[in-house]
Amino acid sequence: MRLWHEALIPRLPRAQLLGQHRECCALRGLGWNRPHATVNYVFQHPYEYLVQYHTLIMDEMERRGYHVDPAWRDPAFRGKRAPRADVDPARYAASSPIYPEHDERYLAECLENLRAKGISIE
């Protein structure tokens, strides 16, 4: 799975938004630093970037009325089986989008990926 471009989060269909939450949970947990071609760039940045991104996902889920387990709001929480993370708020990204890889080219790639699934977001 991929992390959708940050600009698309408010416009993602239900399935993609909920799938993104599951992906973030997996990456924050035992999936951290486990290679996967689509998301390898995530591991080149501090863990805190993923926490920030996941917070955007959870905020959008709650805005739409979905329930998010409050445990995931704790930046150090990595799931029930993973050890807690050593989180330093000073390492949070100061830019938007959080990941520099989420540039205009990546936005176009994400939109094309959605179109291939029959989803049009313009």
C-alpha atoms as a PDB file:
ATOM      1  CA  MET A   1       0.000   0.000   0.000  1.00  0.00           C
ATOM      2  CA  ARG A   2       1.016   3.612  -0.329  1.00  0.00           C
ATOM      3  CA  LEU A   3       0.710   6.704   1.785  1.00  0.00           C
ATOM      4  CA  TRP A   4      -1.576   8.979  -0.180  1.00  0.00           C
ATOM      5  CA  HIS A   5      -0.426  12.508  -0.887  1.00  0.00           C
ATOM      6  CA  GLU A   6      -1.291  14.661   2.115  1.00  0.00           C
ATOM      7  CA  ALA A   7      -3.443  17.004  -0.009  1.00  0.00           C
ATOM      8  CA  LEU A   8      -5.762  14.099  -0.878  1.00  0.00           C
ATOM      9  CA  ILE A   9      -6.589  13.061   2.694  1.00  0.00           C
ATOM     10  CA  PRO A  10      -9.773  15.167   3.031  1.00  0.00           C
ATOM     11  CA  ARG A  11     -11.029  13.860  -0.330  1.00  0.00           C
ATOM     12  CA  LEU A  12     -10.206  10.164  -0.026  1.00  0.00           C
ATOM     13  CA  PRO A  13     -13.148   7.775  -0.290  1.00  0.00           C
ATOM     14  CA  ARG A  14     -14.045   5.808   2.826  1.00  0.00           C
ATOM     15  CA  ALA A  15     -12.202   2.626   1.810  1.00  0.00           C
ATOM     16  CA  GLN A  16      -8.959   4.448   1.042  1.00  0.00           C
ATOM     17  CA  LEU A  17      -9.114   6.532   4.221  1.00  0.00           C
ATOM     18  CA  LEU A  18      -9.734   3.517   6.462  1.00  0.00           C
ATOM     19  CA  GLY A  19      -7.100   1.536   4.568  1.00  0.00           C
ATOM     20  CA  GLN A  20      -4.653   4.370   5.146  1.00  0.00           C
ATOM     21  CA  HIS A  21      -5.312   4.170   8.883  1.00  0.00           C
ATOM     22  CA  ARG A  22      -4.581   0.420   8.852  1.00  0.00           C
ATOM     23  CA  GLU A  23      -1.392   1.037   6.848  1.00  0.00           C
ATOM     24  CA  CYS A  24      -0.211   3.697   9.292  1.00  0.00           C
ATOM     25  CA  CYS A  25      -0.920   1.390  12.244  1.00  0.00           C
ATOM     26  CA  ALA A  26       1.069  -1.389  10.591  1.00  0.00           C
ATOM     27  CA  LEU A  27       3.974   0.909   9.733  1.00  0.00           C
ATOM     28  CA  ARG A  28       4.060   2.385  13.233  1.00  0.00           C
ATOM     29  CA  GLY A  29       4.031  -1.120  14.715  1.00  0.00           C
ATOM     30  CA  LEU A  30       6.096  -4.102  13.731  1.00  0.00           C
ATOM     31  CA  GLY A  31       6.202  -2.912  10.112  1.00  0.00           C
ATOM     32  CA  TRP A  32       8.586  -0.066  10.993  1.00  0.00           C
ATOM     33  CA  ASN A  33      11.739  -0.404   8.872  1.00  0.00           C
ATOM     34  CA  ARG A  34      10.401  -3.483   7.059  1.00  0.00           C
ATOM     35  CA  PRO A  35      11.133  -2.896   3.379  1.00  0.00           C
ATOM     36  CA  HIS A  36       8.254  -2.388   0.988  1.00  0.00           C
ATOM     37  CA  ALA A  37       8.901  -0.743  -2.359  1.00  0.00           C
ATOM     38  CA  THR A  38       5.956   1.658  -2.193  1.00  0.00           C
ATOM     39  CA  VAL A  39       6.710   3.068   1.261  1.00  0.00           C
ATOM     40  CA  ASN A  40      10.478   2.660   1.687  1.00  0.00           C
ATOM     41  CA  TYR A  41      10.942   6.453   1.626  1.00  0.00           C
ATOM     42  CA  VAL A  42       9.062   6.641   4.944  1.00  0.00           C
ATOM     43  CA  PHE A  43      11.950   4.901   6.705  1.00  0.00           C
ATOM     44  CA  GLN A  44      14.416   7.550   5.497  1.00  0.00           C
ATOM     45  CA  HIS A  45      12.694  10.077   7.755  1.00  0.00           C
ATOM     46  CA  PRO A  46      12.160  10.201  11.515  1.00  0.00           C
ATOM     47  CA  TYR A  47       9.433   7.989  12.964  1.00  0.00           C
ATOM     48  CA  GLU A  48       7.784  11.220  14.122  1.00  0.00           C
ATOM     49  CA  TYR A  49       6.897  12.079  10.498  1.00  0.00           C
ATOM     50  CA  LEU A  50       4.768   8.936  10.332  1.00  0.00           C
ATOM     51  CA  VAL A  51       3.084   9.860  13.629  1.00  0.00           C
ATOM     52  CA  GLN A  52       2.309  13.315  12.210  1.00  0.00           C
ATOM     53  CA  TYR A  53       0.929  11.864   9.000  1.00  0.00           C
ATOM     54  CA  HIS A  54      -1.141   9.301  10.903  1.00  0.00           C
ATOM     55  CA  THR A  55      -2.568  12.122  13.027  1.00  0.00           C
ATOM     56  CA  LEU A  56      -3.859  13.785   9.839  1.00  0.00           C
ATOM     57  CA  ILE A  57      -5.551  10.504   8.904  1.00  0.00           C
ATOM     58  CA  MET A  58      -7.099  10.077  12.353  1.00  0.00           C
ATOM     59  CA  ASP A  59      -8.294  13.697  12.395  1.00  0.00           C
ATOM     60  CA  GLU A  60     -10.048  13.177   9.059  1.00  0.00           C
ATOM     61  CA  MET A  61     -11.574   9.906  10.241  1.00  0.00           C
ATOM     62  CA  GLU A  62     -12.987  11.569  13.338  1.00  0.00           C
ATOM     63  CA  ARG A  63     -14.212  14.532  11.275  1.00  0.00           C
ATOM     64  CA  ARG A  64     -16.240  11.991   9.272  1.00  0.00           C
ATOM     65  CA  GLY A  65     -17.614  10.355  12.409  1.00  0.00           C
ATOM     66  CA  TYR A  66     -15.390   7.271  12.619  1.00  0.00           C
ATOM     67  CA  HIS A  67     -14.080   6.046  15.960  1.00  0.00           C
ATOM     68  CA  VAL A  68     -10.305   5.868  16.374  1.00  0.00           C
ATOM     69  CA  ASP A  69      -8.784   3.881  19.219  1.00  0.00           C
ATOM     70  CA  PRO A  70      -7.406   6.609  21.524  1.00  0.00           C
ATOM     71  CA  ALA A  71      -4.235   4.575  22.056  1.00  0.00           C
ATOM     72  CA  TRP A  72      -3.073   5.630  18.572  1.00  0.00           C
ATOM     73  CA  ARG A  73      -3.173   9.285  19.681  1.00  0.00           C
ATOM     74  CA  ASP A  74      -0.183   8.541  21.906  1.00  0.00           C
ATOM     75  CA  PRO A  75       2.845   9.177  19.660  1.00  0.00           C
ATOM     76  CA  ALA A  76       4.855   6.476  21.467  1.00  0.00           C
ATOM     77  CA  PHE A  77       2.184   3.784  20.972  1.00  0.00           C
ATOM     78  CA  ARG A  78       3.186   1.233  18.343  1.00  0.00           C
ATOM     79  CA  GLY A  79       0.456  -1.351  18.802  1.00  0.00           C
ATOM     80  CA  LYS A  80      -0.040  -4.058  21.363  1.00  0.00           C
ATOM     81  CA  ARG A  81       2.951  -6.186  20.326  1.00  0.00           C
ATOM     82  CA  ALA A  82       5.593  -3.555  19.551  1.00  0.00           C
ATOM     83  CA  PRO A  83       7.687  -1.749  22.150  1.00  0.00           C
ATOM     84  CA  ARG A  84       6.870   1.897  22.760  1.00  0.00           C
ATOM     85  CA  ALA A  85       8.731   4.383  20.580  1.00  0.00           C
ATOM     86  CA  ASP A  86      11.134   6.991  21.872  1.00  0.00           C
ATOM     87  CA  VAL A  87       9.424  10.051  20.393  1.00  0.00           C
ATOM     88  CA  ASP A  88      10.945  13.518  20.267  1.00  0.00           C
ATOM     89  CA  PRO A  89       8.493  16.262  19.204  1.00  0.00           C
ATOM     90  CA  ALA A  90      11.487  18.319  18.046  1.00  0.00           C
ATOM     91  CA  ARG A  91      11.856  15.820  15.177  1.00  0.00           C
ATOM     92  CA  TYR A  92       8.384  16.543  13.791  1.00  0.00           C
ATOM     93  CA  ALA A  93       8.409  17.888  10.253  1.00  0.00           C
ATOM     94  CA  ALA A  94       8.150  21.657  10.010  1.00  0.00           C
ATOM     95  CA  SER A  95       6.829  21.550   6.460  1.00  0.00           C
ATOM     96  CA  SER A  96       3.671  20.661   4.649  1.00  0.00           C
ATOM     97  CA  PRO A  97       3.480  18.201   3.132  1.00  0.00           C
ATOM     98  CA  ILE A  98       5.212  16.271   5.889  1.00  0.00           C
ATOM     99  CA  TYR A  99       7.125  14.049   3.469  1.00  0.00           C
ATOM    100  CA  PRO A 100       9.153  15.948   0.859  1.00  0.00           C
ATOM    101  CA  GLU A 101       8.494  13.044  -1.528  1.00  0.00           C
ATOM    102  CA  HIS A 102       4.847  14.125  -1.595  1.00  0.00           C
ATOM    103  CA  ASP A 103       5.496  16.655  -4.337  1.00  0.00           C
ATOM    104  CA  GLU A 104       3.425  17.555  -7.411  1.00  0.00           C
ATOM    105  CA  ARG A 105       4.698  14.516  -9.316  1.00  0.00           C
ATOM    106  CA  TYR A 106       3.655  12.228  -6.460  1.00  0.00           C
ATOM    107  CA  LEU A 107       0.255  13.933  -6.283  1.00  0.00           C
ATOM    108  CA  ALA A 108      -0.254  13.208  -9.996  1.00  0.00           C
ATOM    109  CA  GLU A 109       0.862   9.598  -9.432  1.00  0.00           C
ATOM    110  CA  CYS A 110      -1.639   9.189  -6.588  1.00  0.00           C
ATOM    111  CA  LEU A 111      -4.457  10.681  -8.659  1.00  0.00           C
ATOM    112  CA  GLU A 112      -3.632   8.302 -11.507  1.00  0.00           C
ATOM    113  CA  ASN A 113      -3.580   5.372  -9.086  1.00  0.00           C
ATOM    114  CA  LEU A 114      -7.042   6.351  -7.849  1.00  0.00           C
ATOM    115  CA  ARG A 115      -8.325   6.778 -11.426  1.00  0.00           C
ATOM    116  CA  ALA A 116      -7.115   3.259 -12.198  1.00  0.00           C
ATOM    117  CA  LYS A 117      -9.362   2.104  -9.336  1.00  0.00           C
ATOM    118  CA  GLY A 118     -12.283   3.998 -10.868  1.00  0.00           C
ATOM    119  CA  ILE A 119     -12.047   6.876  -8.388  1.00  0.00           C
ATOM    120  CA  SER A 120     -11.983  10.413  -9.739  1.00  0.00           C
ATOM    121  CA  ILE A 121     -10.754  13.165  -7.433  1.00  0.00           C
ATOM    122  CA  GLU A 122     -10.158  16.518  -9.073  1.00  0.00           C
END
